[in-house]
Structure formats: structure tokens, C-alpha cells
Protein backbone atom coordinates (compact mmCIF):
# COMPACT_ATOMS: atom_id res chain seq x y z
CA MET A 1 -22.36 -0.15 -86.71
CA THR A 2 -25.17 2.40 -87.48
CA ARG A 3 -24.64 6.09 -86.48
CA ASP A 4 -27.37 5.78 -83.69
CA ASN A 5 -25.68 2.63 -82.29
CA PHE A 6 -22.43 4.41 -82.30
CA LEU A 7 -23.98 7.58 -80.42
CA PHE A 8 -25.49 5.15 -77.83
CA ALA A 9 -22.05 3.47 -77.45
CA ILE A 10 -20.42 6.74 -76.79
CA ILE A 11 -23.05 8.01 -74.51
CA GLY A 12 -22.78 4.63 -72.38
CA VAL A 13 -18.98 5.06 -72.29
CA LEU A 14 -19.32 8.65 -70.93
CA LEU A 15 -21.90 7.55 -68.56
CA GLY A 16 -19.56 4.91 -67.25
CA PHE A 17 -16.78 7.50 -66.78
CA ILE A 18 -19.05 9.88 -64.96
CA VAL A 19 -20.54 7.14 -62.64
CA GLY A 20 -17.05 5.84 -61.80
CA PHE A 21 -15.67 9.18 -61.27
CA MET A 22 -18.65 9.92 -58.83
CA LEU A 23 -18.13 6.50 -56.99
CA HIS A 24 -14.38 7.22 -56.74
CA GLY A 25 -15.12 10.68 -55.12
CA VAL A 26 -17.64 9.14 -52.62
CA MET A 27 -15.18 6.39 -51.62
CA SER A 28 -12.28 8.87 -51.23
CA GLU A 29 -14.51 11.06 -48.99
CA ARG A 30 -15.42 7.89 -46.86
CA ASP A 31 -11.69 6.97 -46.63
CA ALA A 32 -10.77 10.60 -45.32
CA GLU A 33 -13.56 10.51 -42.86
CA ARG A 34 -12.49 6.88 -41.72
CA ALA A 35 -8.69 8.24 -41.24
CA ALA A 36 -9.89 11.37 -39.45
CA ALA A 37 -12.17 9.24 -37.08
CA SER A 38 -9.38 6.80 -36.47
CA THR A 39 -6.99 9.56 -35.48
CA THR A 40 -9.83 11.20 -33.24
CA GLN A 41 -10.47 7.75 -31.68
CA ARG A 42 -6.71 7.19 -30.96
CA GLN A 43 -6.45 10.67 -29.36
CA GLN A 44 -9.42 10.04 -27.15
CA GLN A 45 -7.86 6.85 -25.96
CA LEU A 46 -4.67 8.66 -24.89
CA PRO A 47 -4.13 10.13 -21.47
CA PRO A 48 -4.95 13.96 -21.18
CA ASP A 49 -1.37 15.13 -21.14
CA HIS A 50 -0.18 12.92 -24.06
CA PRO A 51 1.22 14.82 -26.98
CA PRO A 52 -0.82 15.04 -30.20
CA VAL A 53 -0.74 11.97 -32.48
CA GLY A 54 -0.77 12.25 -36.25
CA THR A 55 -2.52 10.07 -38.83
CA ASP A 56 0.45 7.84 -39.07
CA GLY A 57 0.71 7.18 -35.17
CA SER A 58 3.65 9.29 -34.85
CA THR A 59 4.06 11.54 -31.78
CA ASP A 60 4.95 15.17 -32.32
CA GLY A 61 7.88 16.75 -30.58
CA THR A 62 10.05 13.48 -30.19
CA ALA A 63 13.16 15.29 -30.88
CA ASN A 64 12.30 17.87 -28.41
CA ASN A 65 11.64 15.27 -25.75
CA SER A 66 14.87 13.61 -26.61
CA GLN A 67 16.64 16.95 -26.08
CA GLN A 68 14.95 17.51 -22.78
CA SER A 69 16.02 14.10 -21.54
CA MET A 70 19.64 14.63 -22.29
CA GLU A 71 19.52 18.04 -20.51
CA GLN A 72 17.94 16.43 -17.58
CA VAL A 73 20.60 13.68 -17.58
CA GLN A 74 23.39 16.22 -17.79
CA GLN A 75 21.84 18.33 -14.95
CA THR A 76 21.51 15.32 -12.70
CA ILE A 77 25.13 14.39 -13.41
CA GLY A 78 26.30 17.88 -12.82
CA ARG A 79 24.33 18.19 -9.69
CA ALA A 80 25.95 15.03 -8.26
CA ARG A 81 29.58 16.41 -9.23
CA SER A 82 28.78 19.80 -7.82
CA ASN A 83 27.41 18.29 -4.45
CA PRO A 84 29.72 15.45 -3.59
CA LYS A 85 28.07 15.22 -0.04
CA ASP A 86 24.58 14.82 -1.55
CA PHE A 87 23.86 11.02 -1.29
CA GLU A 88 20.72 10.96 -3.46
CA ALA A 89 22.34 12.97 -6.14
CA GLN A 90 25.12 10.47 -6.30
CA ILE A 91 22.65 7.50 -6.33
CA MET A 92 20.72 9.02 -9.30
CA ALA A 93 23.73 9.78 -11.24
CA ALA A 94 25.10 6.50 -10.71
CA ASN A 95 21.70 5.01 -12.06
CA LEU A 96 21.82 7.13 -15.14
CA GLU A 97 25.42 6.31 -15.95
CA TYR A 98 24.80 2.50 -15.44
CA GLN A 99 21.62 2.66 -17.77
CA ILE A 100 23.65 4.14 -20.62
CA GLY A 101 26.42 1.53 -20.08
CA GLN A 102 29.09 3.88 -18.41
CA TYR A 103 29.89 1.51 -15.72
CA ASP A 104 33.09 3.16 -14.65
CA GLU A 105 31.35 6.46 -14.16
CA ALA A 106 28.52 4.62 -12.33
CA ILE A 107 31.14 3.11 -9.83
CA LYS A 108 32.65 6.43 -9.06
CA PHE A 109 29.26 8.10 -8.01
CA LEU A 110 28.51 4.69 -5.99
CA LEU A 111 31.87 5.02 -4.28
CA THR A 112 31.02 8.69 -3.41
CA ALA A 113 27.80 7.64 -2.17
CA ASN A 114 29.41 4.72 0.03
CA GLN A 115 31.75 7.32 1.57
CA ILE A 116 28.76 9.34 2.69
CA LYS A 117 26.77 6.45 3.87
CA PRO A 118 29.12 3.34 4.41
CA ASP A 119 26.29 1.34 6.06
CA ASP A 120 23.78 1.71 3.09
CA TYR A 121 23.33 -1.75 2.05
CA ASN A 122 21.95 -1.28 -1.40
CA THR A 123 24.96 0.80 -2.35
CA VAL A 124 27.43 -1.90 -1.41
CA ALA A 125 25.39 -4.56 -3.20
CA ASN A 126 25.18 -2.28 -6.23
CA LEU A 127 28.96 -1.73 -6.27
CA GLY A 128 29.31 -5.55 -6.55
CA MET A 129 26.84 -5.64 -9.37
CA VAL A 130 28.16 -2.62 -11.21
CA ASN A 131 31.92 -3.82 -10.98
CA MET A 132 30.78 -7.27 -12.12
CA ASP A 133 29.26 -5.82 -15.32
CA ALA A 134 32.29 -3.72 -15.84
CA GLY A 135 34.48 -6.78 -15.77
CA HIS A 136 36.31 -5.70 -12.51
CA LEU A 137 35.99 -9.30 -10.98
CA ASP A 138 38.28 -8.74 -7.71
CA ALA A 139 36.31 -5.45 -6.96
CA ALA A 140 33.07 -7.22 -7.61
CA GLU A 141 33.97 -10.10 -5.28
CA LYS A 142 34.96 -7.65 -2.45
CA TRP A 143 31.75 -5.69 -2.73
CA TYR A 144 29.58 -8.76 -2.96
CA ARG A 145 31.33 -10.31 0.09
CA ALA A 146 30.82 -7.11 1.93
CA ALA A 147 27.01 -7.09 1.12
CA LEU A 148 26.83 -10.74 2.22
CA ALA A 149 28.35 -9.76 5.52
CA LYS A 150 25.44 -7.72 6.18
CA LYS A 151 22.75 -9.97 4.66
CA PRO A 152 24.08 -13.52 4.11
CA ASP A 153 21.03 -14.85 2.51
CA ASP A 154 20.38 -12.23 -0.15
CA VAL A 155 19.80 -14.31 -3.27
CA ALA A 156 20.67 -11.71 -5.75
CA VAL A 157 24.02 -11.13 -4.10
CA LEU A 158 24.66 -14.78 -3.94
CA ASP A 159 23.70 -15.13 -7.64
CA GLY A 160 25.98 -12.46 -8.62
CA LEU A 161 28.93 -13.64 -6.62
CA CYS A 162 28.54 -17.13 -8.02
CA ASN A 163 28.76 -15.70 -11.46
CA VAL A 164 32.02 -13.71 -10.59
CA LEU A 165 33.77 -16.56 -8.94
CA LEU A 166 33.02 -18.94 -11.89
CA THR A 167 34.10 -16.29 -14.40
CA ALA A 168 37.31 -15.87 -12.26
CA GLY A 169 37.91 -19.60 -12.26
CA LYS A 170 37.79 -19.88 -8.60
CA LYS A 171 36.44 -23.56 -8.16
CA GLN A 172 36.24 -23.93 -4.41
CA GLN A 173 34.89 -20.72 -3.61
CA ALA A 174 32.42 -20.87 -6.36
CA GLU A 175 31.29 -24.26 -5.11
CA GLU A 176 30.75 -22.90 -1.62
CA ILE A 177 28.72 -20.08 -2.81
CA ILE A 178 26.62 -22.22 -5.21
CA ASN A 179 25.71 -24.50 -2.19
CA LYS A 180 24.69 -21.28 -0.01
CA LEU A 181 22.51 -20.26 -3.09
CA ALA A 182 20.90 -23.48 -3.35
CA LYS A 183 20.16 -23.50 0.43
CA ALA A 184 18.76 -19.86 0.25
CA ASP A 185 16.75 -20.33 -2.88
CA PRO A 186 16.43 -24.10 -3.92
CA SER A 187 14.42 -23.21 -7.10
CA ASN A 188 16.71 -20.54 -8.38
CA GLN A 189 16.82 -20.74 -12.21
CA ASP A 190 20.48 -20.12 -12.39
CA LEU A 191 21.59 -23.07 -10.15
CA ALA A 192 21.64 -25.48 -13.20
CA GLN A 193 23.95 -23.33 -15.33
CA PHE A 194 26.26 -22.39 -12.41
CA ARG A 195 26.74 -26.23 -11.64
CA ASP A 196 27.46 -26.91 -15.31
CA ARG A 197 30.02 -24.25 -15.42
CA LEU A 198 31.52 -25.41 -12.09
CA SER A 199 31.67 -28.95 -13.54
CA LYS A 200 33.67 -27.63 -16.36
CA LEU A 201 36.02 -26.07 -14.18
CA LYS A 202 36.87 -29.22 -12.37
């Protein structure tokens, strides 16, 4: 290779590096602009009161929100305990305890609510449901039957009572309630599995 050719080769390589570097800079700028535009677009699509969203889609202040939620839960439960004659406070506390799986605590608040308003149908029905989820089958049956005494065709209560009676192995009583459920709601999706469970008990 002659000296001139060698110089041309070096110049060519240098030009290649320079052009490549410039192209990389332009593309990086474009990527940054796209990311910023994407973030801006996401923020514009959010409700006015939504917390800021970062470039990775995360929401700022998640830890603060969790802390505030826990404080609100504690305040609600504390208010119910401090005001045993406040029906709404008992119901709200029961709902919170139920949502976090504290069924026995939820039952306590529901029982207090029932003492305040013995005729409140939803409280009676919910005592059946929460006792069932807690595994207190006798208590669940008692409250479900109390609810049915008020509303004999309540499908949700009939459904729950079927489950309780089948779990307890009470064949005849379960069959009776299954028939009532079938009459009240012939297309109920649980009927097939209730009948299957009943046949296995016989």
C-alpha cells in the first residue's frame, strides 16, 4: 500500500467514526425526546388529581399512600371500638376486617351492629356469610336461617346455606335447601356442584 493510499484509508476510518458518533448522538436525542413525550402523554391521559408518573410508569408516593391507608383503617376500627352504639362505624369496621381476612374480628363488629339494629337484614345475612368463611358452621347456619325467615327467596343466602349444610354433612337439610334454591333460581351456577356434593354424601 502506498503512502497516499494509507493516508486515504486513515481519513476514511476517521470519517466513519465521526459520522457514526454524530448519528449515535442524534438517535440518542430522539430516544430521549420520545421518552419525554411518552411520559407527558401518559400524564395527560391521567385524571387531574392523579399523582405524578415517572418514565418507568411507577407512581410516586406509593409508600405514603399505603401508610395513609393503614392509618385510615386503624382510625375506622378505633372509632368503632370507641363508639359501640354507632351502627355505621361497626359495619365499616366489619367490612375492613373481613377484607383483610380477620373474620372473627369482623364477626365481633357485626354482632355489635346486630345488637344496635336487630332487624337490619344485611347484618343478619352477613353474619351467616362471615361465620361460614370463618368455618363456624353452626353459627353460619343459625344466621342464614334467621335471614331466610325474613326473606325466604334470597338466592345468595340459600346458596350460602347449601354450602354450609353440605360441608357439615347434613344431607336431608341440604337437599331441602338445594330444592328451594332450584325453585328460586333454576339457572343458578352452583346447583350442579351442590347436587354432586349431595350425591357423594348419600
